[in-house]
Amino acid sequence: MKNEEQTLSLFGISLTERPKWQQFIICSSGFFFGYLVNGICEEYVYNRLQFSYGWYFTFVQGFVYLILIHFQGFSTKQMVNPWKAYVKLSAVLMGSSGLTKGALAFLNYPAQIMFKSTKVLPVMIMGAFIPGLRRKYPAHEYFSAVLLVVGLILFTLADAHTSPNFSAIGVVMVSGALIMDSFLGNFQEAIFTMNPETTQMEMLFCSTLMGLPFLIPPMVLTGELFKAWNSCSQHPYIYGVLVFEAMATFVGQVSVLSLIALFGAATTAMVTTARKAVTLLLSYLIFTKPLTEQHVTGLLLISMGIVIKLLPDNKPTNRPINRNTKTTLNNTHKEMINQEQKQTLV
């Protein structure tokens, strides 16, 4: 492991030397751009093209990621972690992505958002149990997360003129994705914390490459592989939409990993939840839909949650100290003792 600090950058933009607020804005902007395009493409693919094959969608997306990472100049020689560090991460990453996309075939968009908006709470709770993290959050951050979730649920329910279309299969799929999401961000943060030299490209490359085989069993067992292949063979332009969506999501994914490395999994989960609210709000501004009192109440709760989250925390962060840092501190302490002893002798 190198002794110098790893320089963190996002598509050539250096983040390490910038103040925290600039880091947050740059990473959040990349994330919002990538996933706003992702949301539009997903809705187009599922509703307009009637292509409801979430596992195959994720499979194609994975190959696009690998090609884009190669163009970014990453190679396995630059890896600082062993392959085994990414086994669990790869499984939950592909499972979460496949189940989330597949659930859109059984749930409407507002219903899926309502479920996924609760992700921040299990992410915070699970962070207390992940080895290498053992995070503890102050009470105001839990309160902030609850306000954010409740506000988005109110806004989402108001967006659905009738009760959301709940399908048992869709509920099971999105619930499974939610459980995997609670592990995903914390696993990523644990790797960044235990080895700060880990880059976003390494994490995305390894988790994607090792995760692709996990997608084959569900595609084969459900028959989705052959159905999706035939559908794309008949309508090749579908691949164009899938590739474009994957390229936009790649920008969002790298930005998310930067947020996790700099601010932690819980803060990142709050940003992703806020993005869902922005997506719904933009749909109202673009298509000039009427805003009801329930919409306004939801937006107020979301705003309150964000403001409370931004309150300064005087307590030190509960991140484990790196081994090299411990050694440096111990050596410094010994030098101070030796100097004091010399001064005493003099």
Protein backbone atom coordinates (compact mmCIF):
# COMPACT_ATOMS: atom_id res chain seq x y z
CA MET A 1 0.00 0.00 0.00
CA LYS A 2 1.25 3.44 -0.88
CA ASN A 3 1.91 5.83 1.94
CA GLU A 4 0.80 8.95 0.10
CA GLU A 5 -2.85 9.88 0.07
CA GLN A 6 -4.84 8.66 -2.91
CA THR A 7 -6.02 11.54 -5.10
CA LEU A 8 -9.75 11.25 -5.71
CA SER A 9 -11.09 12.57 -8.99
CA LEU A 10 -14.32 12.40 -11.00
CA PHE A 11 -13.85 12.18 -14.78
CA GLY A 12 -10.70 14.26 -14.62
CA ILE A 13 -12.03 16.76 -12.04
CA SER A 14 -9.86 16.64 -8.93
CA LEU A 15 -11.87 16.36 -5.71
CA THR A 16 -9.20 15.87 -3.03
CA GLU A 17 -8.06 19.49 -2.68
CA ARG A 18 -11.54 21.03 -2.92
CA PRO A 19 -13.68 22.09 0.06
CA LYS A 20 -16.42 19.70 1.12
CA TRP A 21 -19.28 21.74 -0.34
CA GLN A 22 -17.65 21.76 -3.79
CA GLN A 23 -17.04 18.01 -3.61
CA PHE A 24 -20.68 17.47 -2.71
CA ILE A 25 -22.00 19.68 -5.54
CA ILE A 26 -19.75 18.10 -8.19
CA CYS A 27 -20.57 14.51 -7.19
CA SER A 28 -24.27 15.21 -6.73
CA SER A 29 -24.48 16.94 -10.11
CA GLY A 30 -22.96 13.93 -11.85
CA PHE A 31 -25.31 11.62 -9.99
CA PHE A 32 -28.43 13.68 -10.72
CA PHE A 33 -27.58 13.96 -14.42
CA GLY A 34 -26.88 10.24 -14.82
CA TYR A 35 -29.93 8.98 -12.98
CA LEU A 36 -32.40 11.52 -14.33
CA VAL A 37 -31.50 10.28 -17.83
CA ASN A 38 -31.68 6.73 -16.44
CA GLY A 39 -35.23 7.27 -15.17
CA ILE A 40 -36.42 8.64 -18.51
CA CYS A 41 -34.84 5.75 -20.42
CA GLU A 42 -36.23 3.10 -18.06
CA GLU A 43 -39.76 4.45 -18.35
CA TYR A 44 -39.40 4.63 -22.13
CA VAL A 45 -38.08 1.07 -22.38
CA TYR A 46 -40.75 -0.45 -20.13
CA ASN A 47 -43.80 1.62 -21.14
CA ARG A 48 -43.19 2.53 -24.78
CA LEU A 49 -41.06 -0.37 -26.00
CA GLN A 50 -42.73 -2.91 -23.68
CA PHE A 51 -39.27 -4.37 -22.92
CA SER A 52 -39.79 -5.69 -19.38
CA TYR A 53 -36.66 -7.81 -18.95
CA GLY A 54 -34.81 -6.39 -15.95
CA TRP A 55 -32.13 -9.09 -15.64
CA TYR A 56 -31.17 -8.84 -19.33
CA PHE A 57 -31.28 -5.04 -19.08
CA THR A 58 -28.74 -5.21 -16.23
CA PHE A 59 -26.63 -7.76 -18.16
CA VAL A 60 -26.26 -5.43 -21.15
CA GLN A 61 -25.59 -2.52 -18.81
CA GLY A 62 -22.72 -4.45 -17.20
CA PHE A 63 -20.93 -5.00 -20.51
CA VAL A 64 -21.28 -1.29 -21.38
CA TYR A 65 -19.74 -0.44 -17.99
CA LEU A 66 -16.73 -2.67 -18.67
CA ILE A 67 -16.14 -1.04 -22.08
CA LEU A 68 -16.39 2.47 -20.63
CA ILE A 69 -14.05 1.58 -17.76
CA HIS A 70 -11.53 0.28 -20.31
CA PHE A 71 -11.71 3.61 -22.17
CA GLN A 72 -11.05 5.37 -18.85
CA GLY A 73 -7.64 3.64 -18.85
CA PHE A 74 -8.21 1.26 -15.95
CA SER A 75 -6.46 -2.11 -15.86
CA THR A 76 -6.19 -4.91 -13.30
CA LYS A 77 -2.58 -3.87 -12.63
CA GLN A 78 -3.96 -0.82 -10.84
CA MET A 79 -5.98 -2.89 -8.35
CA VAL A 80 -5.15 -2.40 -4.65
CA ASN A 81 -7.67 -4.92 -3.25
CA PRO A 82 -7.87 -8.70 -3.75
CA TRP A 83 -10.66 -10.09 -5.95
CA LYS A 84 -12.29 -11.80 -2.98
CA ALA A 85 -13.05 -8.39 -1.44
CA TYR A 86 -15.69 -7.87 -4.13
CA VAL A 87 -17.58 -11.19 -4.04
CA LYS A 88 -20.38 -10.13 -1.67
CA LEU A 89 -20.51 -6.65 -3.18
CA SER A 90 -20.92 -8.08 -6.70
CA ALA A 91 -23.81 -10.33 -5.67
CA VAL A 92 -25.84 -7.59 -3.96
CA LEU A 93 -25.06 -5.04 -6.72
CA MET A 94 -26.40 -7.22 -9.52
CA GLY A 95 -29.27 -8.52 -7.43
CA SER A 96 -30.37 -5.01 -6.49
CA SER A 97 -30.12 -3.68 -10.04
CA GLY A 98 -31.89 -6.67 -11.63
CA LEU A 99 -34.73 -6.75 -9.10
CA THR A 100 -35.23 -2.97 -9.27
CA LYS A 101 -35.51 -2.93 -13.05
CA GLY A 102 -37.58 -6.12 -13.14
CA ALA A 103 -40.07 -4.78 -10.59
CA LEU A 104 -41.18 -2.11 -13.09
CA ALA A 105 -42.89 -4.88 -15.05
CA PHE A 106 -45.22 -5.49 -12.07
CA LEU A 107 -45.38 -2.08 -10.31
CA ASN A 108 -46.08 1.37 -11.69
CA TYR A 109 -43.37 4.02 -11.36
CA PRO A 110 -44.87 5.84 -8.31
CA ALA A 111 -45.24 2.56 -6.41
CA GLN A 112 -41.63 1.59 -7.12
CA ILE A 113 -40.36 5.01 -6.00
CA MET A 114 -42.43 4.79 -2.81
CA PHE A 115 -40.72 1.53 -1.87
CA LYS A 116 -37.21 2.57 -2.91
CA SER A 117 -37.47 5.88 -1.08
CA THR A 118 -37.23 4.04 2.25
CA LYS A 119 -33.71 2.82 1.41
CA VAL A 120 -31.95 5.40 3.55
CA LEU A 121 -33.28 3.93 6.82
CA PRO A 122 -32.10 0.31 6.34
CA VAL A 123 -28.77 1.65 5.01
CA MET A 124 -28.24 3.60 8.24
CA ILE A 125 -29.30 0.67 10.43
CA MET A 126 -27.17 -1.87 8.56
CA GLY A 127 -24.14 0.43 8.82
CA ALA A 128 -23.98 -0.39 12.54
CA PHE A 129 -23.36 -4.08 11.80
CA ILE A 130 -21.04 -4.10 8.77
CA PRO A 131 -17.46 -5.11 9.76
CA GLY A 132 -15.07 -2.23 9.15
CA LEU A 133 -17.75 0.41 9.73
CA ARG A 134 -19.78 -0.10 12.94
CA ARG A 135 -21.27 3.33 12.30
CA LYS A 136 -23.39 5.20 14.81
CA TYR A 137 -25.46 8.17 13.69
CA PRO A 138 -26.73 11.06 15.83
CA ALA A 139 -30.46 11.24 16.53
CA HIS A 140 -31.01 14.23 14.22
CA GLU A 141 -29.78 12.23 11.20
CA TYR A 142 -32.34 9.47 11.85
CA PHE A 143 -35.03 12.13 12.24
CA SER A 144 -33.87 13.73 8.99
CA ALA A 145 -34.09 10.38 7.19
CA VAL A 146 -37.62 9.74 8.48
CA LEU A 147 -38.79 13.20 7.31
CA LEU A 148 -37.23 12.62 3.90
CA VAL A 149 -38.86 9.22 3.48
CA VAL A 150 -42.32 10.27 4.73
CA GLY A 151 -42.24 13.40 2.57
CA LEU A 152 -41.38 11.47 -0.57
CA ILE A 153 -44.02 8.82 0.14
CA LEU A 154 -46.67 11.56 0.53
CA PHE A 155 -45.54 13.20 -2.70
CA THR A 156 -45.52 9.86 -4.54
CA LEU A 157 -48.98 8.87 -3.34
CA ALA A 158 -50.29 12.25 -4.41
CA ASP A 159 -48.70 11.65 -7.81
CA ALA A 160 -50.78 8.50 -8.25
CA HIS A 161 -54.35 9.65 -8.85
CA THR A 162 -55.53 6.25 -7.73
CA SER A 163 -53.99 3.78 -5.30
CA PRO A 164 -50.63 2.50 -6.61
CA ASN A 165 -50.86 -0.71 -8.57
CA PHE A 166 -49.39 -3.24 -6.14
CA SER A 167 -48.59 -6.65 -7.57
CA ALA A 168 -47.45 -9.38 -5.19
CA ILE A 169 -44.55 -10.32 -7.46
CA GLY A 170 -43.50 -6.69 -7.85
CA VAL A 171 -43.65 -6.09 -4.09
CA VAL A 172 -41.46 -9.14 -3.43
CA MET A 173 -38.94 -8.04 -6.07
CA VAL A 174 -38.64 -4.44 -4.91
CA SER A 175 -38.47 -5.57 -1.26
CA GLY A 176 -35.59 -7.89 -2.17
CA ALA A 177 -33.86 -4.99 -3.93
CA LEU A 178 -34.38 -2.85 -0.84
CA ILE A 179 -32.72 -5.45 1.40
CA MET A 180 -29.75 -5.71 -0.97
CA ASP A 181 -29.47 -1.91 -1.13
CA SER A 182 -29.04 -1.82 2.66
CA PHE A 183 -25.88 -3.95 2.25
CA LEU A 184 -24.66 -2.43 -1.03
CA GLY A 185 -23.73 1.09 0.06
CA ASN A 186 -22.26 -0.11 3.35
CA PHE A 187 -20.11 -2.77 1.64
CA GLN A 188 -18.80 -0.08 -0.72
CA GLU A 189 -18.08 2.32 2.12
CA ALA A 190 -16.32 -0.44 4.11
CA ILE A 191 -13.93 -1.13 1.20
CA PHE A 192 -13.18 2.59 0.78
CA THR A 193 -12.65 2.96 4.54
CA MET A 194 -10.36 -0.05 5.04
CA ASN A 195 -8.31 0.81 1.94
CA PRO A 196 -8.50 4.54 1.09
CA GLU A 197 -6.42 3.96 -2.08
CA THR A 198 -9.38 2.17 -3.70
CA THR A 199 -10.58 4.04 -6.80
CA GLN A 200 -14.13 4.28 -8.12
CA MET A 201 -13.07 2.57 -11.36
CA GLU A 202 -11.59 -0.41 -9.52
CA MET A 203 -14.70 -0.90 -7.43
CA LEU A 204 -17.08 -0.60 -10.40
CA PHE A 205 -14.90 -2.81 -12.64
CA CYS A 206 -14.45 -5.62 -10.12
CA SER A 207 -18.04 -5.64 -8.85
CA THR A 208 -19.40 -5.60 -12.42
CA LEU A 209 -17.06 -8.25 -13.83
CA MET A 210 -17.62 -10.60 -10.90
CA GLY A 211 -21.32 -9.79 -10.79
CA LEU A 212 -22.24 -10.65 -14.38
CA PRO A 213 -22.22 -14.45 -13.77
CA PHE A 214 -24.77 -13.93 -10.95
CA LEU A 215 -27.26 -12.68 -13.57
CA ILE A 216 -27.17 -15.83 -15.71
CA PRO A 217 -29.17 -18.20 -13.41
CA PRO A 218 -32.21 -15.88 -13.02
CA MET A 219 -32.19 -15.09 -16.76
CA VAL A 220 -32.16 -18.78 -17.66
CA LEU A 221 -34.61 -19.97 -14.98
CA THR A 222 -37.20 -17.32 -15.86
CA GLY A 223 -36.71 -17.77 -19.61
CA GLU A 224 -35.91 -14.07 -19.83
CA LEU A 225 -32.62 -14.60 -21.68
CA PHE A 226 -34.27 -16.10 -24.77
CA LYS A 227 -37.31 -13.78 -24.72
CA ALA A 228 -35.14 -10.68 -24.44
CA TRP A 229 -32.76 -11.93 -27.14
CA ASN A 230 -35.66 -12.54 -29.55
CA SER A 231 -37.18 -9.16 -28.76
CA CYS A 232 -33.89 -7.34 -29.42
CA SER A 233 -33.36 -9.38 -32.62
CA GLN A 234 -36.73 -8.20 -33.93
CA HIS A 235 -36.18 -4.60 -32.78
CA PRO A 236 -32.40 -3.92 -32.79
CA TYR A 237 -32.93 -0.25 -31.89
CA ILE A 238 -33.70 -1.43 -28.34
CA TYR A 239 -29.97 -2.02 -27.91
CA GLY A 240 -29.36 1.63 -28.76
CA VAL A 241 -31.65 2.76 -25.95
CA LEU A 242 -30.09 0.26 -23.51
CA VAL A 243 -26.55 1.38 -24.35
CA PHE A 244 -27.47 5.08 -24.05
CA GLU A 245 -29.12 4.40 -20.66
CA ALA A 246 -26.05 2.46 -19.50
CA MET A 247 -23.70 5.30 -20.49
CA ALA A 248 -25.76 7.82 -18.50
CA THR A 249 -26.02 5.45 -15.54
CA PHE A 250 -22.24 4.93 -15.65
CA VAL A 251 -21.78 8.66 -14.95
CA GLY A 252 -24.27 8.34 -12.08
CA GLN A 253 -22.61 5.21 -10.66
CA VAL A 254 -19.11 6.70 -10.59
CA SER A 255 -20.55 9.85 -8.97
CA VAL A 256 -22.32 7.72 -6.34
CA LEU A 257 -19.09 5.88 -5.52
CA SER A 258 -17.36 9.26 -5.12
CA LEU A 259 -20.11 10.38 -2.73
CA ILE A 260 -19.75 7.17 -0.70
CA ALA A 261 -15.96 7.55 -0.50
CA LEU A 262 -16.23 11.18 0.64
CA PHE A 263 -19.43 11.34 2.68
CA GLY A 264 -20.47 7.76 3.54
CA ALA A 265 -23.33 5.44 2.58
CA ALA A 266 -26.08 7.10 4.64
CA THR A 267 -25.53 10.60 3.20
CA THR A 268 -25.40 9.10 -0.29
CA ALA A 269 -28.68 7.25 0.34
CA MET A 270 -30.28 10.57 1.32
CA VAL A 271 -29.02 12.14 -1.92
CA THR A 272 -30.50 9.28 -3.95
CA THR A 273 -33.80 9.68 -2.11
CA ALA A 274 -33.81 13.43 -2.80
CA ARG A 275 -33.14 12.67 -6.47
CA LYS A 276 -36.40 10.70 -6.63
CA ALA A 277 -38.26 13.76 -5.33
CA VAL A 278 -36.57 15.98 -7.94
CA THR A 279 -37.53 13.51 -10.68
CA LEU A 280 -41.18 13.66 -9.68
CA LEU A 281 -41.11 17.45 -9.25
CA LEU A 282 -39.56 17.95 -12.70
CA SER A 283 -42.33 15.87 -14.24
CA TYR A 284 -44.81 18.35 -12.77
CA LEU A 285 -42.89 21.38 -13.99
CA ILE A 286 -42.32 19.97 -17.48
CA PHE A 287 -45.81 18.60 -18.03
CA THR A 288 -47.56 21.37 -16.00
CA LYS A 289 -49.48 19.02 -13.73
CA PRO A 290 -51.44 20.61 -10.87
CA LEU A 291 -49.84 20.55 -7.41
CA THR A 292 -52.14 19.56 -4.55
CA GLU A 293 -51.84 20.26 -0.83
CA GLN A 294 -50.44 16.77 -0.35
CA HIS A 295 -47.68 17.54 -2.86
CA VAL A 296 -46.79 20.73 -0.97
CA THR A 297 -46.79 18.89 2.38
CA GLY A 298 -44.47 16.24 0.97
CA LEU A 299 -42.09 18.86 -0.44
CA LEU A 300 -42.00 20.69 2.91
CA LEU A 301 -41.11 17.48 4.77
CA ILE A 302 -38.41 16.68 2.23
CA SER A 303 -36.97 20.20 2.57
CA MET A 304 -37.02 19.93 6.38
CA GLY A 305 -35.23 16.58 6.20
CA ILE A 306 -32.49 18.02 3.98
CA VAL A 307 -32.03 21.09 6.20
CA ILE A 308 -31.79 18.95 9.37
CA LYS A 309 -29.26 16.70 7.64
CA LEU A 310 -27.09 19.74 6.91
CA LEU A 311 -26.93 20.70 10.60
CA PRO A 312 -23.31 20.50 11.83
CA ASP A 313 -22.39 17.51 13.98
CA ASN A 314 -19.81 18.33 16.65
CA LYS A 315 -19.09 14.69 17.41
CA PRO A 316 -16.12 13.09 15.63
CA THR A 317 -16.96 10.65 12.86
CA ASN A 318 -16.92 7.00 13.77
CA ARG A 319 -14.53 5.86 11.05
CA PRO A 320 -11.89 3.25 11.94
CA ILE A 321 -8.28 4.40 11.88
CA ASN A 322 -6.14 3.03 9.07
CA ARG A 323 -3.19 0.82 10.11
CA ASN A 324 -0.68 3.23 8.60
CA THR A 325 -2.31 6.09 10.50
CA LYS A 326 -2.08 4.10 13.76
CA THR A 327 1.60 3.39 13.15
CA THR A 328 2.30 7.06 12.42
CA LEU A 329 0.50 8.15 15.60
CA ASN A 330 2.37 5.59 17.70
CA ASN A 331 5.75 6.64 16.27
CA THR A 332 4.94 10.32 16.86
CA HIS A 333 3.95 9.55 20.45
CA LYS A 334 7.23 7.67 21.06
CA GLU A 335 9.26 10.55 19.60
CA MET A 336 7.54 13.02 21.92
CA ILE A 337 8.34 10.83 24.94
CA ASN A 338 12.00 10.51 23.89
CA GLN A 339 12.28 14.28 23.47
CA GLU A 340 10.79 14.86 26.93
CA GLN A 341 13.26 12.38 28.46
CA LYS A 342 16.21 14.11 26.74
CA GLN A 343 15.06 17.49 28.00
CA THR A 344 14.77 16.08 31.53
CA LEU A 345 18.31 14.70 31.39
CA VAL A 346 19.66 18.03 30.17
